[in-house]
């Protein structure tokens, strides 16, 4: 920790996560290497959804994190640390009502302003390294056909320096990642749950078959699953592919 990250700046790439993955195959890449693209042609969100971004207006970047002893059972710690780092910076920039929509979209009110995609490379029971992709809407003012998207600029009415925002996020990430390998998910969850979007509010969800149902987000399990309270005080855990929140 403490080393300045190496930053690779690209004019355009399909996806910064893919670029970093290819780089890893071809050579030894230093921990904390960051790849930033002015234009990401095929940005991906969770489960293959595409990420829409105007060239040069937003931050699309990926970071390589290497680990010595991060157990697979604690890999949700990565989601927690990255979500908290981005949320901290947004609060510092006076973005109102920042919350985390499980597992790792960052919201301001009901507008999504940041998507996070974490891909872990495993070796047995251990996370060898992670590629953390972040798409943050910064200075883009309009989003075609995306009524729930917003940006730092559209929310605050200001224009932000992309490099400055990037440096702030990298710094906060370094802070949150300190000692991550010694911590359990349970230890880190309270601060994440504190920011949870629609926690304890009656909400509508769809299941894997597209069926709608009502429930309350109550907490996150130690393996990073969403715990909902359904009718008759039944509690049920859901994985990413099993549920989506309608709002």
Protein backbone atom coordinates (compact mmCIF):
# COMPACT_ATOMS: atom_id res chain seq x y z
CA UNK A 1 0.00 0.00 0.00
CA UNK A 2 1.03 3.59 -0.34
CA UNK A 3 2.65 3.15 -3.76
CA UNK A 4 1.34 5.51 -6.40
CA UNK A 5 -0.81 3.53 -8.82
CA UNK A 6 0.33 3.19 -12.40
CA UNK A 7 -2.33 4.79 -14.59
CA UNK A 8 -2.75 3.69 -18.20
CA UNK A 9 -4.87 6.18 -20.18
CA UNK A 10 -6.64 5.01 -23.34
CA UNK A 11 -8.63 7.00 -25.86
CA UNK A 12 -10.98 4.11 -26.51
CA UNK A 13 -11.32 0.45 -25.59
CA UNK A 14 -14.09 -2.16 -25.60
CA UNK A 15 -13.99 -2.45 -21.83
CA UNK A 16 -11.36 -1.42 -19.29
CA UNK A 17 -11.95 -4.68 -17.39
CA UNK A 18 -11.23 -6.70 -20.56
CA UNK A 19 -8.16 -4.59 -21.35
CA UNK A 20 -6.76 -5.26 -17.88
CA UNK A 21 -7.54 -8.99 -18.19
CA UNK A 22 -5.68 -9.18 -21.52
CA UNK A 23 -2.77 -7.27 -20.03
CA UNK A 24 -2.58 -9.79 -17.18
CA UNK A 25 -2.33 -12.65 -19.67
CA UNK A 26 0.54 -11.08 -21.55
CA UNK A 27 2.71 -9.73 -18.74
CA UNK A 28 3.17 -9.25 -15.04
CA UNK A 29 1.03 -6.28 -14.03
CA UNK A 30 1.71 -4.35 -10.82
CA UNK A 31 -0.82 -4.24 -8.00
CA UNK A 32 -3.03 -1.10 -8.15
CA UNK A 33 -2.57 -0.64 -11.91
CA UNK A 34 -5.42 1.54 -13.20
CA UNK A 35 -6.75 1.62 -16.77
CA UNK A 36 -8.83 4.70 -17.69
CA UNK A 37 -10.69 5.07 -21.00
CA UNK A 38 -12.08 8.29 -22.48
CA UNK A 39 -14.47 6.20 -24.48
CA UNK A 40 -15.59 2.70 -23.47
CA UNK A 41 -17.22 1.02 -26.45
CA UNK A 42 -18.68 -2.05 -24.79
CA UNK A 43 -18.95 -1.24 -21.11
CA UNK A 44 -20.79 -3.92 -19.18
CA UNK A 45 -22.86 -3.73 -16.05
CA UNK A 46 -23.94 -6.58 -13.80
CA UNK A 47 -25.10 -9.67 -15.70
CA UNK A 48 -24.27 -8.31 -19.13
CA UNK A 49 -26.33 -5.11 -19.11
CA UNK A 50 -24.64 -2.41 -21.19
CA UNK A 51 -23.34 0.84 -19.76
CA UNK A 52 -24.09 4.01 -21.73
CA UNK A 53 -21.47 6.74 -21.60
CA UNK A 54 -20.68 9.89 -23.61
CA UNK A 55 -17.05 10.16 -24.68
CA UNK A 56 -14.84 12.24 -22.41
CA UNK A 57 -17.66 13.15 -20.02
CA UNK A 58 -17.50 10.36 -17.48
CA UNK A 59 -15.07 8.16 -15.61
CA UNK A 60 -14.72 4.59 -16.87
CA UNK A 61 -11.79 2.82 -15.26
CA UNK A 62 -10.61 -0.49 -13.85
CA UNK A 63 -8.19 -1.25 -11.05
CA UNK A 64 -6.16 -4.38 -10.46
CA UNK A 65 -5.94 -5.52 -6.83
CA UNK A 66 -3.73 -8.42 -5.84
CA UNK A 67 -4.17 -10.41 -2.65
CA UNK A 68 -2.07 -12.76 -0.56
CA UNK A 69 -4.78 -14.20 1.64
CA UNK A 70 -8.32 -13.13 0.77
CA UNK A 71 -10.54 -16.16 1.26
CA UNK A 72 -13.37 -16.81 -1.22
CA UNK A 73 -15.92 -16.70 1.61
CA UNK A 74 -14.98 -13.06 2.23
CA UNK A 75 -15.03 -11.84 -1.34
CA UNK A 76 -18.09 -9.64 -0.73
CA UNK A 77 -15.65 -7.45 1.25
CA UNK A 78 -14.52 -6.14 -2.13
CA UNK A 79 -18.05 -4.94 -3.00
CA UNK A 80 -18.28 -3.29 0.41
CA UNK A 81 -14.92 -1.49 0.21
CA UNK A 82 -15.42 -0.22 -3.34
CA UNK A 83 -19.02 0.91 -2.67
CA UNK A 84 -17.95 2.74 0.50
CA UNK A 85 -14.98 4.40 -1.22
CA UNK A 86 -17.15 5.78 -4.05
CA UNK A 87 -19.93 6.80 -1.62
CA UNK A 88 -17.41 8.64 0.60
CA UNK A 89 -16.14 10.66 -2.34
CA UNK A 90 -19.66 11.52 -3.54
CA UNK A 91 -20.58 12.72 -0.04
CA UNK A 92 -17.38 14.82 -0.01
CA UNK A 93 -18.50 16.37 -3.34
CA UNK A 94 -21.87 17.24 -1.72
CA UNK A 95 -23.93 14.83 -3.82
CA UNK A 96 -27.21 14.39 -1.88
CA UNK A 97 -28.89 11.19 -0.67
CA UNK A 98 -26.12 8.79 -1.64
CA UNK A 99 -26.99 5.12 -1.19
CA UNK A 100 -25.88 1.70 -2.44
CA UNK A 101 -28.31 -0.42 -4.42
CA UNK A 102 -27.27 -4.01 -3.75
CA UNK A 103 -24.87 -5.32 -4.77
CA UNK A 104 -22.99 -2.31 -6.13
CA UNK A 105 -24.82 0.45 -7.92
CA UNK A 106 -24.37 3.85 -6.35
CA UNK A 107 -27.46 6.05 -6.24
CA UNK A 108 -28.30 9.68 -5.54
CA UNK A 109 -31.95 9.62 -4.55
CA UNK A 110 -33.52 7.33 -7.16
CA UNK A 111 -30.95 8.08 -9.87
CA UNK A 112 -28.16 5.64 -10.64
CA UNK A 113 -24.86 7.49 -11.00
CA UNK A 114 -22.31 4.72 -10.71
CA UNK A 115 -22.04 1.06 -11.61
CA UNK A 116 -19.37 -1.30 -10.29
CA UNK A 117 -18.36 -4.62 -11.82
CA UNK A 118 -15.94 -6.79 -9.83
CA UNK A 119 -14.37 -9.85 -11.46
CA UNK A 120 -12.34 -12.13 -9.22
CA UNK A 121 -9.65 -14.50 -10.41
CA UNK A 122 -9.56 -17.44 -8.02
CA UNK A 123 -6.93 -19.96 -7.08
CA UNK A 124 -8.59 -22.76 -5.14
CA UNK A 125 -10.31 -21.17 -2.13
CA UNK A 126 -8.49 -17.85 -2.49
CA UNK A 127 -9.03 -14.67 -4.45
CA UNK A 128 -5.73 -14.22 -6.25
CA UNK A 129 -6.60 -10.88 -7.72
CA UNK A 130 -9.58 -8.74 -8.61
CA UNK A 131 -10.36 -6.50 -11.52
CA UNK A 132 -12.61 -3.73 -10.26
CA UNK A 133 -14.45 -1.83 -12.99
CA UNK A 134 -16.12 1.48 -12.14
CA UNK A 135 -18.37 3.55 -14.40
CA UNK A 136 -19.18 6.90 -12.81
CA UNK A 137 -21.40 9.42 -14.57
CA UNK A 138 -19.68 12.75 -14.03
CA UNK A 139 -20.31 15.51 -16.58
CA UNK A 140 -22.87 13.89 -18.91
CA UNK A 141 -26.08 15.90 -18.64
CA UNK A 142 -28.65 13.81 -20.50
CA UNK A 143 -29.27 10.08 -20.75
CA UNK A 144 -31.40 8.89 -23.64
CA UNK A 145 -34.02 6.30 -22.71
CA UNK A 146 -32.53 5.99 -19.23
CA UNK A 147 -34.99 7.76 -16.96
CA UNK A 148 -33.25 6.50 -13.83
CA UNK A 149 -29.71 7.60 -14.69
CA UNK A 150 -28.07 10.77 -13.43
CA UNK A 151 -24.59 12.22 -13.05
CA UNK A 152 -22.65 14.35 -10.60
CA UNK A 153 -23.15 17.23 -13.03
CA UNK A 154 -26.86 16.75 -13.69
CA UNK A 155 -27.53 16.50 -9.94
CA UNK A 156 -25.28 19.33 -8.71
CA UNK A 157 -25.25 21.65 -11.73
CA UNK A 158 -21.44 21.73 -11.62
CA UNK A 159 -18.71 20.51 -13.96
CA UNK A 160 -16.08 18.29 -12.33
CA UNK A 161 -12.42 17.62 -13.14
CA UNK A 162 -12.32 13.92 -14.08
CA UNK A 163 -8.70 13.40 -12.96
CA UNK A 164 -9.41 14.98 -9.60
CA UNK A 165 -12.45 12.77 -9.00
CA UNK A 166 -10.44 9.69 -10.07
CA UNK A 167 -7.61 10.51 -7.63
CA UNK A 168 -10.09 11.00 -4.78
CA UNK A 169 -11.68 7.59 -5.45
CA UNK A 170 -8.30 5.82 -5.68
CA UNK A 171 -7.25 7.39 -2.40
CA UNK A 172 -10.44 6.36 -0.60
CA UNK A 173 -10.15 2.86 -2.03
CA UNK A 174 -6.66 2.54 -0.65
CA UNK A 175 -8.02 3.58 2.75
CA UNK A 176 -10.89 1.04 2.69
CA UNK A 177 -8.70 -1.78 1.37
CA UNK A 178 -6.23 -1.55 4.25
CA UNK A 179 -6.36 -4.77 6.25
CA UNK A 180 -9.17 -6.21 4.09
CA UNK A 181 -7.65 -9.70 4.17
CA UNK A 182 -7.91 -9.89 7.97
CA UNK A 183 -11.55 -8.81 8.11
CA UNK A 184 -14.71 -10.85 7.78
CA UNK A 185 -17.73 -9.68 5.79
CA UNK A 186 -19.71 -9.49 9.06
CA UNK A 187 -17.23 -6.95 10.46
CA UNK A 188 -17.54 -4.68 7.43
CA UNK A 189 -21.28 -5.03 6.77
CA UNK A 190 -22.72 -2.41 9.19
CA UNK A 191 -21.36 0.60 7.30
CA UNK A 192 -22.51 -0.92 3.98
CA UNK A 193 -26.01 -1.74 5.30
CA UNK A 194 -26.26 1.80 6.66
CA UNK A 195 -26.13 3.03 3.03
CA UNK A 196 -28.45 0.38 1.59
CA UNK A 197 -30.98 1.70 -0.94
CA UNK A 198 -34.63 1.08 0.11
CA UNK A 199 -33.63 -0.73 3.30
CA UNK A 200 -36.68 -1.43 5.48
CA UNK A 201 -39.07 0.12 2.95
CA UNK A 202 -41.86 -1.87 1.29
CA UNK A 203 -40.51 -2.68 -2.17
CA UNK A 204 -41.47 -4.64 -5.26
CA UNK A 205 -39.13 -7.26 -6.70
CA UNK A 206 -39.10 -9.68 -9.60
CA UNK A 207 -37.73 -13.19 -9.27
CA UNK A 208 -35.71 -15.18 -11.82
CA UNK A 209 -38.95 -16.10 -13.66
CA UNK A 210 -40.12 -12.49 -13.91
CA UNK A 211 -42.81 -12.96 -11.23
CA UNK A 212 -43.42 -9.89 -9.07
CA UNK A 213 -43.55 -10.00 -5.29
CA UNK A 214 -43.43 -7.63 -2.32
CA UNK A 215 -40.85 -7.56 0.41
CA UNK A 216 -38.56 -5.53 2.66
CA UNK A 217 -34.78 -5.40 2.34
CA UNK A 218 -33.66 -6.22 5.87
CA UNK A 219 -29.94 -6.96 5.61
CA UNK A 220 -27.10 -8.57 3.68
CA UNK A 221 -25.92 -12.08 4.59
CA UNK A 222 -22.30 -12.86 5.43
CA UNK A 223 -21.89 -14.27 1.91
CA UNK A 224 -23.21 -11.05 0.37
CA UNK A 225 -26.75 -12.21 -0.44
CA UNK A 226 -29.79 -9.96 -0.13
CA UNK A 227 -32.00 -10.90 2.83
CA UNK A 228 -35.66 -10.01 2.27
CA UNK A 229 -38.55 -10.24 4.67
CA UNK A 230 -41.58 -11.60 2.82
CA UNK A 231 -45.16 -12.12 3.97
CA UNK A 232 -45.75 -13.82 7.34
CA UNK A 233 -42.31 -12.74 8.60
CA UNK A 234 -40.54 -15.22 6.38
CA UNK A 235 -36.92 -14.28 5.71
CA UNK A 236 -35.30 -15.41 2.48
CA UNK A 237 -31.84 -14.95 0.97
CA UNK A 238 -31.43 -14.09 -2.69
CA UNK A 239 -28.42 -14.21 -4.97
CA UNK A 240 -27.76 -11.69 -7.73
CA UNK A 241 -29.40 -13.74 -10.50
CA UNK A 242 -32.43 -14.58 -8.38
CA UNK A 243 -33.95 -11.17 -7.71
CA UNK A 244 -34.15 -7.63 -8.99
CA UNK A 245 -35.58 -4.58 -7.28
CA UNK A 246 -38.16 -2.48 -9.12
CA UNK A 247 -38.26 1.15 -8.03
